[in-house]
Amino acid sequence: MTKYVVIYHASESALEQMNSATPEQMAEGMKPWMAWVERCGDGLVDLGTPLAGGQALSTSGASPSGKGVVGYSILQADNMEAAQALLKGHPHLEWAAGCEIEVHESVPLPM
């Protein structure tokens, strides 16, 4: 099976909504995620974590990434279509306007 890296993007307003949520609202918001975890079964290798404070690094230094990356997950599937099927109905897409998911095939390093 091939691994796929899932990158979650969200708008600034979605991040503000998350940062102002109460612990009860956060717990309620995790319920659809846990249902997605159940649906994925063995296809989910690593649920991942939220991400914050990203930095874009270059030879000239570092700056805030500004790309709205808010989390990641790792899936495994036979092909990209199967990986996308695991993401169908994902709760991140329903969270707030402007939320998107990117999925990338993890390609083995040539040795």
PDB file of N, CA and C in Angstrom:
ATOM      1  N   MET A   1       0.842  -1.184   0.000  1.00  0.00           N
ATOM      2  CA  MET A   1       0.000   0.000   0.000  1.00  0.00           C
ATOM      3  C   MET A   1       0.882   1.241   0.000  1.00  0.00           C
ATOM      4  N   THR A   2       0.352   2.284  -0.574  1.00  0.00           N
ATOM      5  CA  THR A   2       1.043   3.562  -0.653  1.00  0.00           C
ATOM      6  C   THR A   2       0.542   4.482   0.455  1.00  0.00           C
ATOM      7  N   LYS A   3       1.439   5.275   0.999  1.00  0.00           N
ATOM      8  CA  LYS A   3       1.038   6.269   1.996  1.00  0.00           C
ATOM      9  C   LYS A   3       0.711   7.582   1.300  1.00  0.00           C
ATOM     10  N   TYR A   4      -0.241   8.308   1.889  1.00  0.00           N
ATOM     11  CA  TYR A   4      -0.677   9.607   1.379  1.00  0.00           C
ATOM     12  C   TYR A   4      -0.684  10.601   2.525  1.00  0.00           C
ATOM     13  N   VAL A   5      -0.093  11.758   2.283  1.00  0.00           N
ATOM     14  CA  VAL A   5      -0.062  12.837   3.272  1.00  0.00           C
ATOM     15  C   VAL A   5      -1.233  13.765   2.978  1.00  0.00           C
ATOM     16  N   VAL A   6      -2.043  13.977   3.980  1.00  0.00           N
ATOM     17  CA  VAL A   6      -3.217  14.844   3.865  1.00  0.00           C
ATOM     18  C   VAL A   6      -2.892  16.143   4.597  1.00  0.00           C
ATOM     19  N   ILE A   7      -3.054  17.261   3.907  1.00  0.00           N
ATOM     20  CA  ILE A   7      -2.797  18.574   4.491  1.00  0.00           C
ATOM     21  C   ILE A   7      -4.130  19.322   4.571  1.00  0.00           C
ATOM     22  N   TYR A   8      -4.426  19.833   5.752  1.00  0.00           N
ATOM     23  CA  TYR A   8      -5.670  20.572   5.967  1.00  0.00           C
ATOM     24  C   TYR A   8      -5.399  22.073   5.918  1.00  0.00           C
ATOM     25  N   HIS A   9      -6.212  22.786   5.143  1.00  0.00           N
ATOM     26  CA  HIS A   9      -6.122  24.244   5.027  1.00  0.00           C
ATOM     27  C   HIS A   9      -7.407  24.855   5.586  1.00  0.00           C
ATOM     28  N   ALA A  10      -7.268  26.025   6.221  1.00  0.00           N
ATOM     29  CA  ALA A  10      -8.441  26.738   6.730  1.00  0.00           C
ATOM     30  C   ALA A  10      -8.211  28.236   6.605  1.00  0.00           C
ATOM     31  N   SER A  11      -9.301  28.949   6.513  1.00  0.00           N
ATOM     32  CA  SER A  11      -9.247  30.407   6.416  1.00  0.00           C
ATOM     33  C   SER A  11      -8.951  31.013   7.783  1.00  0.00           C
ATOM     34  N   GLU A  12      -8.581  32.266   7.777  1.00  0.00           N
ATOM     35  CA  GLU A  12      -8.316  32.994   9.020  1.00  0.00           C
ATOM     36  C   GLU A  12      -9.562  33.027   9.899  1.00  0.00           C
ATOM     37  N   SER A  13     -10.736  33.189   9.300  1.00  0.00           N
ATOM     38  CA  SER A  13     -11.968  33.238  10.097  1.00  0.00           C
ATOM     39  C   SER A  13     -12.264  31.882  10.740  1.00  0.00           C
ATOM     40  N   ALA A  14     -11.941  30.792  10.058  1.00  0.00           N
ATOM     41  CA  ALA A  14     -12.136  29.465  10.649  1.00  0.00           C
ATOM     42  C   ALA A  14     -11.196  29.270  11.837  1.00  0.00           C
ATOM     43  N   LEU A  15      -9.968  29.761  11.704  1.00  0.00           N
ATOM     44  CA  LEU A  15      -9.014  29.662  12.819  1.00  0.00           C
ATOM     45  C   LEU A  15      -9.478  30.470  14.019  1.00  0.00           C
ATOM     46  N   GLU A  16     -10.011  31.661  13.773  1.00  0.00           N
ATOM     47  CA  GLU A  16     -10.539  32.488  14.857  1.00  0.00           C
ATOM     48  C   GLU A  16     -11.689  31.783  15.560  1.00  0.00           C
ATOM     49  N   GLN A  17     -12.546  31.124  14.754  1.00  0.00           N
ATOM     50  CA  GLN A  17     -13.674  30.375  15.311  1.00  0.00           C
ATOM     51  C   GLN A  17     -13.159  29.255  16.221  1.00  0.00           C
ATOM     52  N   MET A  18     -12.137  28.536  15.775  1.00  0.00           N
ATOM     53  CA  MET A  18     -11.578  27.445  16.562  1.00  0.00           C
ATOM     54  C   MET A  18     -10.927  27.970  17.838  1.00  0.00           C
ATOM     55  N   ASN A  19     -10.189  29.068  17.734  1.00  0.00           N
ATOM     56  CA  ASN A  19      -9.482  29.613  18.893  1.00  0.00           C
ATOM     57  C   ASN A  19     -10.425  30.162  19.961  1.00  0.00           C
ATOM     58  N   SER A  20     -11.634  30.518  19.563  1.00  0.00           N
ATOM     59  CA  SER A  20     -12.586  31.057  20.539  1.00  0.00           C
ATOM     60  C   SER A  20     -13.574  30.000  21.046  1.00  0.00           C
ATOM     61  N   ALA A  21     -13.417  28.758  20.610  1.00  0.00           N
ATOM     62  CA  ALA A  21     -14.336  27.696  21.020  1.00  0.00           C
ATOM     63  C   ALA A  21     -14.096  27.307  22.477  1.00  0.00           C
ATOM     64  N   THR A  22     -15.170  26.957  23.150  1.00  0.00           N
ATOM     65  CA  THR A  22     -15.077  26.457  24.515  1.00  0.00           C
ATOM     66  C   THR A  22     -14.614  24.998  24.470  1.00  0.00           C
ATOM     67  N   PRO A  23     -14.137  24.472  25.598  1.00  0.00           N
ATOM     68  CA  PRO A  23     -13.768  23.048  25.617  1.00  0.00           C
ATOM     69  C   PRO A  23     -14.934  22.132  25.215  1.00  0.00           C
ATOM     70  N   GLU A  24     -16.141  22.495  25.602  1.00  0.00           N
ATOM     71  CA  GLU A  24     -17.311  21.703  25.233  1.00  0.00           C
ATOM     72  C   GLU A  24     -17.542  21.736  23.724  1.00  0.00           C
ATOM     73  N   GLN A  25     -17.397  22.922  23.119  1.00  0.00           N
ATOM     74  CA  GLN A  25     -17.556  23.052  21.672  1.00  0.00           C
ATOM     75  C   GLN A  25     -16.462  22.270  20.933  1.00  0.00           C
ATOM     76  N   MET A  26     -15.232  22.294  21.475  1.00  0.00           N
ATOM     77  CA  MET A  26     -14.146  21.533  20.864  1.00  0.00           C
ATOM     78  C   MET A  26     -14.434  20.033  20.911  1.00  0.00           C
ATOM     79  N   ALA A  27     -14.910  19.565  22.062  1.00  0.00           N
ATOM     80  CA  ALA A  27     -15.238  18.142  22.206  1.00  0.00           C
ATOM     81  C   ALA A  27     -16.344  17.751  21.236  1.00  0.00           C
ATOM     82  N   GLU A  28     -17.340  18.601  21.099  1.00  0.00           N
ATOM     83  CA  GLU A  28     -18.438  18.329  20.162  1.00  0.00           C
ATOM     84  C   GLU A  28     -17.913  18.325  18.728  1.00  0.00           C
ATOM     85  N   GLY A  29     -16.999  19.249  18.411  1.00  0.00           N
ATOM     86  CA  GLY A  29     -16.429  19.325  17.073  1.00  0.00           C
ATOM     87  C   GLY A  29     -15.579  18.123  16.710  1.00  0.00           C
ATOM     88  N   MET A  30     -15.051  17.418  17.714  1.00  0.00           N
ATOM     89  CA  MET A  30     -14.236  16.236  17.452  1.00  0.00           C
ATOM     90  C   MET A  30     -15.070  14.997  17.132  1.00  0.00           C
ATOM     91  N   LYS A  31     -16.346  15.003  17.465  1.00  0.00           N
ATOM     92  CA  LYS A  31     -17.190  13.829  17.217  1.00  0.00           C
ATOM     93  C   LYS A  31     -17.222  13.435  15.737  1.00  0.00           C
ATOM     94  N   PRO A  32     -17.418  14.376  14.800  1.00  0.00           N
ATOM     95  CA  PRO A  32     -17.388  13.971  13.388  1.00  0.00           C
ATOM     96  C   PRO A  32     -16.012  13.441  12.962  1.00  0.00           C
ATOM     97  N   TRP A  33     -14.952  13.973  13.547  1.00  0.00           N
ATOM     98  CA  TRP A  33     -13.604  13.483  13.244  1.00  0.00           C
ATOM     99  C   TRP A  33     -13.454  12.037  13.693  1.00  0.00           C
ATOM    100  N   MET A  34     -13.950  11.715  14.891  1.00  0.00           N
ATOM    101  CA  MET A  34     -13.830  10.352  15.396  1.00  0.00           C
ATOM    102  C   MET A  34     -14.676   9.390  14.560  1.00  0.00           C
ATOM    103  N   ALA A  35     -15.818   9.864  14.052  1.00  0.00           N
ATOM    104  CA  ALA A  35     -16.622   9.037  13.142  1.00  0.00           C
ATOM    105  C   ALA A  35     -15.845   8.786  11.848  1.00  0.00           C
ATOM    106  N   TRP A  36     -15.135   9.808  11.354  1.00  0.00           N
ATOM    107  CA  TRP A  36     -14.309   9.635  10.149  1.00  0.00           C
ATOM    108  C   TRP A  36     -13.187   8.632  10.420  1.00  0.00           C
ATOM    109  N   VAL A  37     -12.558   8.722  11.587  1.00  0.00           N
ATOM    110  CA  VAL A  37     -11.507   7.769  11.966  1.00  0.00           C
ATOM    111  C   VAL A  37     -12.043   6.343  11.904  1.00  0.00           C
ATOM    112  N   GLU A  38     -13.226   6.136  12.438  1.00  0.00           N
ATOM    113  CA  GLU A  38     -13.863   4.803  12.403  1.00  0.00           C
ATOM    114  C   GLU A  38     -14.087   4.345  10.969  1.00  0.00           C
ATOM    115  N   ARG A  39     -14.593   5.245  10.124  1.00  0.00           N
ATOM    116  CA  ARG A  39     -14.846   4.884   8.715  1.00  0.00           C
ATOM    117  C   ARG A  39     -13.564   4.499   7.992  1.00  0.00           C
ATOM    118  N   CYS A  40     -12.465   5.167   8.303  1.00  0.00           N
ATOM    119  CA  CYS A  40     -11.193   4.897   7.625  1.00  0.00           C
ATOM    120  C   CYS A  40     -10.606   3.548   7.999  1.00  0.00           C
ATOM    121  N   GLY A  41     -10.805   3.134   9.228  1.00  0.00           N
ATOM    122  CA  GLY A  41     -10.233   1.864   9.673  1.00  0.00           C
ATOM    123  C   GLY A  41      -8.726   1.849   9.484  1.00  0.00           C
ATOM    124  N   ASP A  42      -8.213   0.762   8.879  1.00  0.00           N
ATOM    125  CA  ASP A  42      -6.774   0.590   8.663  1.00  0.00           C
ATOM    126  C   ASP A  42      -6.213   1.571   7.642  1.00  0.00           C
ATOM    127  N   GLY A  43      -7.079   2.272   6.918  1.00  0.00           N
ATOM    128  CA  GLY A  43      -6.612   3.250   5.941  1.00  0.00           C
ATOM    129  C   GLY A  43      -5.997   4.486   6.584  1.00  0.00           C
ATOM    130  N   LEU A  44      -6.283   4.702   7.854  1.00  0.00           N
ATOM    131  CA  LEU A  44      -5.714   5.843   8.571  1.00  0.00           C
ATOM    132  C   LEU A  44      -4.496   5.363   9.349  1.00  0.00           C
ATOM    133  N   VAL A  45      -3.330   5.812   8.934  1.00  0.00           N
ATOM    134  CA  VAL A  45      -2.076   5.421   9.581  1.00  0.00           C
ATOM    135  C   VAL A  45      -1.799   6.313  10.781  1.00  0.00           C
ATOM    136  N   ASP A  46      -2.062   7.618  10.629  1.00  0.00           N
ATOM    137  CA  ASP A  46      -1.772   8.595  11.676  1.00  0.00           C
ATOM    138  C   ASP A  46      -2.794   9.715  11.555  1.00  0.00           C
ATOM    139  N   LEU A  47      -3.615   9.901  12.584  1.00  0.00           N
ATOM    140  CA  LEU A  47      -4.605  10.985  12.567  1.00  0.00           C
ATOM    141  C   LEU A  47      -3.919  12.331  12.449  1.00  0.00           C
ATOM    142  N   GLY A  48      -2.690  12.447  12.970  1.00  0.00           N
ATOM    143  CA  GLY A  48      -1.966  13.702  12.911  1.00  0.00           C
ATOM    144  C   GLY A  48      -2.358  14.610  14.054  1.00  0.00           C
ATOM    145  N   THR A  49      -2.061  15.899  13.875  1.00  0.00           N
ATOM    146  CA  THR A  49      -2.356  16.893  14.901  1.00  0.00           C
ATOM    147  C   THR A  49      -2.662  18.219  14.223  1.00  0.00           C
ATOM    148  N   PRO A  50      -3.266  19.134  14.960  1.00  0.00           N
ATOM    149  CA  PRO A  50      -3.361  20.496  14.436  1.00  0.00           C
ATOM    150  C   PRO A  50      -1.951  21.083  14.322  1.00  0.00           C
ATOM    151  N   LEU A  51      -1.790  22.016  13.415  1.00  0.00           N
ATOM    152  CA  LEU A  51      -0.523  22.715  13.222  1.00  0.00           C
ATOM    153  C   LEU A  51      -0.760  24.213  13.363  1.00  0.00           C
ATOM    154  N   ALA A  52       0.242  24.930  13.858  1.00  0.00           N
ATOM    155  CA  ALA A  52       0.128  26.377  14.012  1.00  0.00           C
ATOM    156  C   ALA A  52       1.510  27.001  13.914  1.00  0.00           C
ATOM    157  N   GLY A  53       1.548  28.279  13.599  1.00  0.00           N
ATOM    158  CA  GLY A  53       2.786  29.029  13.610  1.00  0.00           C
ATOM    159  C   GLY A  53       3.788  28.618  12.548  1.00  0.00           C
ATOM    160  N   GLY A  54       3.311  28.143  11.408  1.00  0.00           N
ATOM    161  CA  GLY A  54       4.203  27.684  10.342  1.00  0.00           C
ATOM    162  C   GLY A  54       5.150  28.776   9.852  1.00  0.00           C
ATOM    163  N   GLN A  55       6.343  28.375   9.499  1.00  0.00           N
ATOM    164  CA  GLN A  55       7.359  29.290   8.978  1.00  0.00           C
ATOM    165  C   GLN A  55       7.814  28.818   7.607  1.00  0.00           C
ATOM    166  N   ALA A  56       7.902  29.734   6.671  1.00  0.00           N
ATOM    167  CA  ALA A  56       8.466  29.464   5.349  1.00  0.00           C
ATOM    168  C   ALA A  56       9.950  29.787   5.427  1.00  0.00           C
ATOM    169  N   LEU A  57      10.790  28.807   5.171  1.00  0.00           N
ATOM    170  CA  LEU A  57      12.234  28.980   5.262  1.00  0.00           C
ATOM    171  C   LEU A  57      12.842  29.067   3.873  1.00  0.00           C
ATOM    172  N   SER A  58      13.798  29.958   3.720  1.00  0.00           N
ATOM    173  CA  SER A  58      14.530  30.085   2.462  1.00  0.00           C
ATOM    174  C   SER A  58      15.953  30.512   2.786  1.00  0.00           C
ATOM    175  N   THR A  59      16.780  30.641   1.772  1.00  0.00           N
ATOM    176  CA  THR A  59      18.162  31.063   2.009  1.00  0.00           C
ATOM    177  C   THR A  59      18.229  32.477   2.576  1.00  0.00           C
ATOM    178  N   SER A  60      17.157  33.247   2.412  1.00  0.00           N
ATOM    179  CA  SER A  60      17.157  34.618   2.938  1.00  0.00           C
ATOM    180  C   SER A  60      16.545  34.720   4.338  1.00  0.00           C
ATOM    181  N   GLY A  61      16.145  33.599   4.926  1.00  0.00           N
ATOM    182  CA  GLY A  61      15.614  33.630   6.281  1.00  0.00           C
ATOM    183  C   GLY A  61      14.280  32.925   6.410  1.00  0.00           C
ATOM    184  N   ALA A  62      13.491  33.340   7.417  1.00  0.00           N
ATOM    185  CA  ALA A  62      12.197  32.726   7.711  1.00  0.00           C
ATOM    186  C   ALA A  62      11.131  33.808   7.790  1.00  0.00           C
ATOM    187  N   SER A  63       9.903  33.412   7.422  1.00  0.00           N
ATOM    188  CA  SER A  63       8.757  34.301   7.537  1.00  0.00           C
ATOM    189  C   SER A  63       7.519  33.444   7.750  1.00  0.00           C
ATOM    190  N   PRO A  64       6.436  34.029   8.284  1.00  0.00           N
ATOM    191  CA  PRO A  64       5.208  33.245   8.454  1.00  0.00           C
ATOM    192  C   PRO A  64       4.788  32.640   7.119  1.00  0.00           C
ATOM    193  N   SER A  65       4.334  31.370   7.154  1.00  0.00           N
ATOM    194  CA  SER A  65       4.020  30.682   5.902  1.00  0.00           C
ATOM    195  C   SER A  65       2.824  31.294   5.189  1.00  0.00           C
ATOM    196  N   GLY A  66       1.803  31.721   5.930  1.00  0.00           N
ATOM    197  CA  GLY A  66       0.661  32.380   5.302  1.00  0.00           C
ATOM    198  C   GLY A  66      -0.168  31.503   4.388  1.00  0.00           C
ATOM    199  N   LYS A  67       0.010  30.206   4.435  1.00  0.00           N
ATOM    200  CA  LYS A  67      -0.715  29.317   3.534  1.00  0.00           C
ATOM    201  C   LYS A  67      -1.920  28.657   4.191  1.00  0.00           C
ATOM    202  N   GLY A  68      -2.209  28.967   5.441  1.00  0.00           N
ATOM    203  CA  GLY A  68      -3.399  28.431   6.093  1.00  0.00           C
ATOM    204  C   GLY A  68      -3.339  26.945   6.377  1.00  0.00           C
ATOM    205  N   VAL A  69      -2.136  26.373   6.530  1.00  0.00           N
ATOM    206  CA  VAL A  69      -2.014  24.958   6.870  1.00  0.00           C
ATOM    207  C   VAL A  69      -2.326  24.814   8.354  1.00  0.00           C
ATOM    208  N   VAL A  70      -3.321  23.973   8.670  1.00  0.00           N
ATOM    209  CA  VAL A  70      -3.768  23.856  10.056  1.00  0.00           C
ATOM    210  C   VAL A  70      -3.672  22.433  10.612  1.00  0.00           C
ATOM    211  N   GLY A  71      -3.237  21.473   9.794  1.00  0.00           N
ATOM    212  CA  GLY A  71      -3.121  20.114  10.306  1.00  0.00           C
ATOM    213  C   GLY A  71      -2.728  19.144   9.217  1.00  0.00           C
ATOM    214  N   TYR A  72      -2.531  17.890   9.627  1.00  0.00           N
ATOM    215  CA  TYR A  72      -2.166  16.842   8.686  1.00  0.00           C
ATOM    216  C   TYR A  72      -2.688  15.501   9.179  1.00  0.00           C
ATOM    217  N   SER A  73      -2.760  14.539   8.280  1.00  0.00           N
ATOM    218  CA  SER A  73      -3.017  13.137   8.586  1.00  0.00           C
ATOM    219  C   SER A  73      -2.220  12.302   7.593  1.00  0.00           C
ATOM    220  N   ILE A  74      -2.023  11.030   7.898  1.00  0.00           N
ATOM    221  CA  ILE A  74      -1.369  10.095   6.992  1.00  0.00           C
ATOM    222  C   ILE A  74      -2.336   8.946   6.726  1.00  0.00           C
ATOM    223  N   LEU A  75      -2.596   8.700   5.454  1.00  0.00           N
ATOM    224  CA  LEU A  75      -3.449   7.592   5.035  1.00  0.00           C
ATOM    225  C   LEU A  75      -2.612   6.542   4.321  1.00  0.00           C
ATOM    226  N   GLN A  76      -3.177   5.350   4.163  1.00  0.00           N
ATOM    227  CA  GLN A  76      -2.604   4.362   3.261  1.00  0.00           C
ATOM    228  C   GLN A  76      -3.731   3.824   2.397  1.00  0.00           C
ATOM    229  N   ALA A  77      -3.415   3.653   1.117  1.00  0.00           N
ATOM    230  CA  ALA A  77      -4.418   3.187   0.164  1.00  0.00           C
ATOM    231  C   ALA A  77      -3.706   2.590  -1.044  1.00  0.00           C
ATOM    232  N   ASP A  78      -4.465   1.865  -1.853  1.00  0.00           N
ATOM    233  CA  ASP A  78      -3.890   1.234  -3.044  1.00  0.00           C
ATOM    234  C   ASP A  78      -3.513   2.237  -4.121  1.00  0.00           C
ATOM    235  N   ASN A  79      -4.246   3.362  -4.196  1.00  0.00           N
ATOM    236  CA  ASN A  79      -3.979   4.377  -5.217  1.00  0.00           C
ATOM    237  C   ASN A  79      -4.620   5.696  -4.792  1.00  0.00           C
ATOM    238  N   MET A  80      -4.378   6.748  -5.570  1.00  0.00           N
ATOM    239  CA  MET A  80      -4.901   8.075  -5.235  1.00  0.00           C
ATOM    240  C   MET A  80      -6.426   8.085  -5.170  1.00  0.00           C
ATOM    241  N   GLU A  81      -7.070   7.363  -6.049  1.00  0.00           N
ATOM    242  CA  GLU A  81      -8.536   7.330  -6.045  1.00  0.00           C
ATOM    243  C   GLU A  81      -9.062   6.733  -4.735  1.00  0.00           C
ATOM    244  N   ALA A  82      -8.397   5.681  -4.263  1.00  0.00           N
ATOM    245  CA  ALA A  82      -8.809   5.072  -2.994  1.00  0.00           C
ATOM    246  C   ALA A  82      -8.544   6.019  -1.825  1.00  0.00           C
ATOM    247  N   ALA A  83      -7.437   6.758  -1.878  1.00  0.00           N
ATOM    248  CA  ALA A  83      -7.151   7.751  -0.834  1.00  0.00           C
ATOM    249  C   ALA A  83      -8.224   8.837  -0.836  1.00  0.00           C
ATOM    250  N   GLN A  84      -8.591   9.290  -2.010  1.00  0.00           N
ATOM    251  CA  GLN A  84      -9.635  10.321  -2.109  1.00  0.00           C
ATOM    252  C   GLN A  84     -10.969   9.790  -1.608  1.00  0.00           C
ATOM    253  N   ALA A  85     -11.237   8.527  -1.826  1.00  0.00           N
ATOM    254  CA  ALA A  85     -12.482   7.930  -1.338  1.00  0.00           C
ATOM    255  C   ALA A  85     -12.520   7.952   0.193  1.00  0.00           C
ATOM    256  N   LEU A  86     -11.368   7.735   0.834  1.00  0.00           N
ATOM    257  CA  LEU A  86     -11.316   7.810   2.298  1.00  0.00           C
ATOM    258  C   LEU A  86     -11.622   9.221   2.803  1.00  0.00           C
ATOM    259  N   LEU A  87     -11.361  10.221   1.971  1.00  0.00           N
ATOM    260  CA  LEU A  87     -11.577  11.617   2.356  1.00  0.00           C
ATOM    261  C   LEU A  87     -12.970  12.139   2.013  1.00  0.00           C
ATOM    262  N   LYS A  88     -13.740  11.332   1.314  1.00  0.00           N
ATOM    263  CA  LYS A  88     -15.098  11.755   0.941  1.00  0.00           C
ATOM    264  C   LYS A  88     -15.923  11.980   2.213  1.00  0.00           C
ATOM    265  N   GLY A  89     -16.575  13.129   2.297  1.00  0.00           N
ATOM    266  CA  GLY A  89     -17.388  13.464   3.461  1.00  0.00           C
ATOM    267  C   GLY A  89     -16.575  13.822   4.691  1.00  0.00           C
ATOM    268  N   HIS A  90     -15.313  14.183   4.500  1.00  0.00           N
ATOM    269  CA  HIS A  90     -14.439  14.508   5.626  1.00  0.00           C
ATOM    270  C   HIS A  90     -14.984  15.721   6.386  1.00  0.00           C
ATOM    271  N   PRO A  91     -14.987  15.676   7.733  1.00  0.00           N
ATOM    272  CA  PRO A  91     -15.559  16.769   8.522  1.00  0.00           C
ATOM    273  C   PRO A  91     -14.824  18.102   8.368  1.00  0.00           C
ATOM    274  N   HIS A  92     -13.561  18.079   7.980  1.00  0.00           N
ATOM    275  CA  HIS A  92     -12.840  19.348   7.810  1.00  0.00           C
ATOM    276  C   HIS A  92     -13.489  20.195   6.724  1.00  0.00           C
ATOM    277  N   LEU A  93     -14.011  19.541   5.693  1.00  0.00           N
ATOM    278  CA  LEU A  93     -14.629  20.279   4.583  1.00  0.00           C
ATOM    279  C   LEU A  93     -15.952  20.919   4.981  1.00  0.00           C
ATOM    280  N   GLU A  94     -16.547  20.419   6.048  1.00  0.00           N
ATOM    281  CA  GLU A  94     -17.824  20.949   6.528  1.00  0.00           C
ATOM    282  C   GLU A  94     -17.642  21.966   7.650  1.00  0.00           C
ATOM    283  N   TRP A  95     -16.416  22.128   8.133  1.00  0.00           N
ATOM    284  CA  TRP A  95     -16.148  22.935   9.320  1.00  0.00           C
ATOM    285  C   TRP A  95     -16.480  24.407   9.111  1.00  0.00           C
ATOM    286  N   ALA A  96     -15.947  25.006   8.047  1.00  0.00           N
ATOM    287  CA  ALA A  96     -16.162  26.437   7.807  1.00  0.00           C
ATOM    288  C   ALA A  96     -15.890  26.738   6.336  1.00  0.00           C
ATOM    289  N   ALA A  97     -16.403  27.856   5.881  1.00  0.00           N
ATOM    290  CA  ALA A  97     -16.153  28.273   4.493  1.00  0.00           C
ATOM    291  C   ALA A  97     -14.655  28.425   4.267  1.00  0.00           C
ATOM    292  N   GLY A  98     -14.196  27.997   3.118  1.00  0.00           N
ATOM    293  CA  GLY A  98     -12.790  28.141   2.759  1.00  0.00           C
ATOM    294  C   GLY A  98     -11.892  27.008   3.199  1.00  0.00           C
ATOM    295  N   CYS A  99     -12.437  26.016   3.897  1.00  0.00           N
ATOM    296  CA  CYS A  99     -11.617  24.874   4.304  1.00  0.00           C
ATOM    297  C   CYS A  99     -11.381  23.954   3.108  1.00  0.00           C
ATOM    298  N   GLU A 100     -10.150  23.506   2.979  1.00  0.00           N
ATOM    299  CA  GLU A 100      -9.768  22.622   1.884  1.00  0.00           C
ATOM    300  C   GLU A 100      -8.865  21.517   2.403  1.00  0.00           C
ATOM    301  N   ILE A 101      -8.782  20.443   1.625  1.00  0.00           N
ATOM    302  CA  ILE A 101      -7.886  19.335   1.915  1.00  0.00           C
ATOM    303  C   ILE A 101      -7.014  19.105   0.694  1.00  0.00           C
ATOM    304  N   GLU A 102      -5.716  18.935   0.931  1.00  0.00           N
ATOM    305  CA  GLU A 102      -4.757  18.543  -0.104  1.00  0.00           C
ATOM    306  C   GLU A 102      -4.325  17.122   0.203  1.00  0.00           C
ATOM    307  N   VAL A 103      -4.133  16.302  -0.800  1.00  0.00           N
ATOM    308  CA  VAL A 103      -3.616  14.951  -0.572  1.00  0.00           C
ATOM    309  C   VAL A 103      -2.458  14.715  -1.535  1.00  0.00           C
ATOM    310  N   HIS A 104      -1.355  14.186  -0.988  1.00  0.00           N
ATOM    311  CA  HIS A 104      -0.137  13.954  -1.766  1.00  0.00           C
ATOM    312  C   HIS A 104       0.326  12.516  -1.574  1.00  0.00           C
ATOM    313  N   GLU A 105       0.721  11.881  -2.655  1.00  0.00           N
ATOM    314  CA  GLU A 105       1.314  10.552  -2.553  1.00  0.00           C
ATOM    315  C   GLU A 105       2.724  10.677  -1.975  1.00  0.00           C
ATOM    316  N   SER A 106       3.027   9.830  -1.020  1.00  0.00           N
ATOM    317  CA  SER A 106       4.375   9.776  -0.463  1.00  0.00           C
ATOM    318  C   SER A 106       5.197   8.845  -1.357  1.00  0.00           C
ATOM    319  N   VAL A 107       6.200   9.409  -2.003  1.00  0.00           N
ATOM    320  CA  VAL A 107       7.014   8.668  -2.964  1.00  0.00           C
ATOM    321  C   VAL A 107       8.301   8.234  -2.279  1.00  0.00           C
ATOM    322  N   PRO A 108       8.655   6.957  -2.354  1.00  0.00           N
ATOM    323  CA  PRO A 108       9.880   6.500  -1.694  1.00  0.00           C
ATOM    324  C   PRO A 108      11.118   7.202  -2.262  1.00  0.00           C
ATOM    325  N   LEU A 109      12.074   7.455  -1.377  1.00  0.00           N
ATOM    326  CA  LEU A 109      13.337   8.049  -1.809  1.00  0.00           C
ATOM    327  C   LEU A 109      14.136   7.023  -2.616  1.00  0.00           C
ATOM    328  N   PRO A 110      14.756   7.452  -3.696  1.00  0.00           N
ATOM    329  CA  PRO A 110      15.613   6.513  -4.425  1.00  0.00           C
ATOM    330  C   PRO A 110      16.889   6.274  -3.607  1.00  0.00           C
ATOM    331  N   MET A 111      17.224   5.043  -3.449  1.00  0.00           N
ATOM    332  CA  MET A 111      18.413   4.718  -2.648  1.00  0.00           C
ATOM    333  C   MET A 111      19.485   4.140  -3.519  1.00  0.00           C
TER     334      MET A 111
END
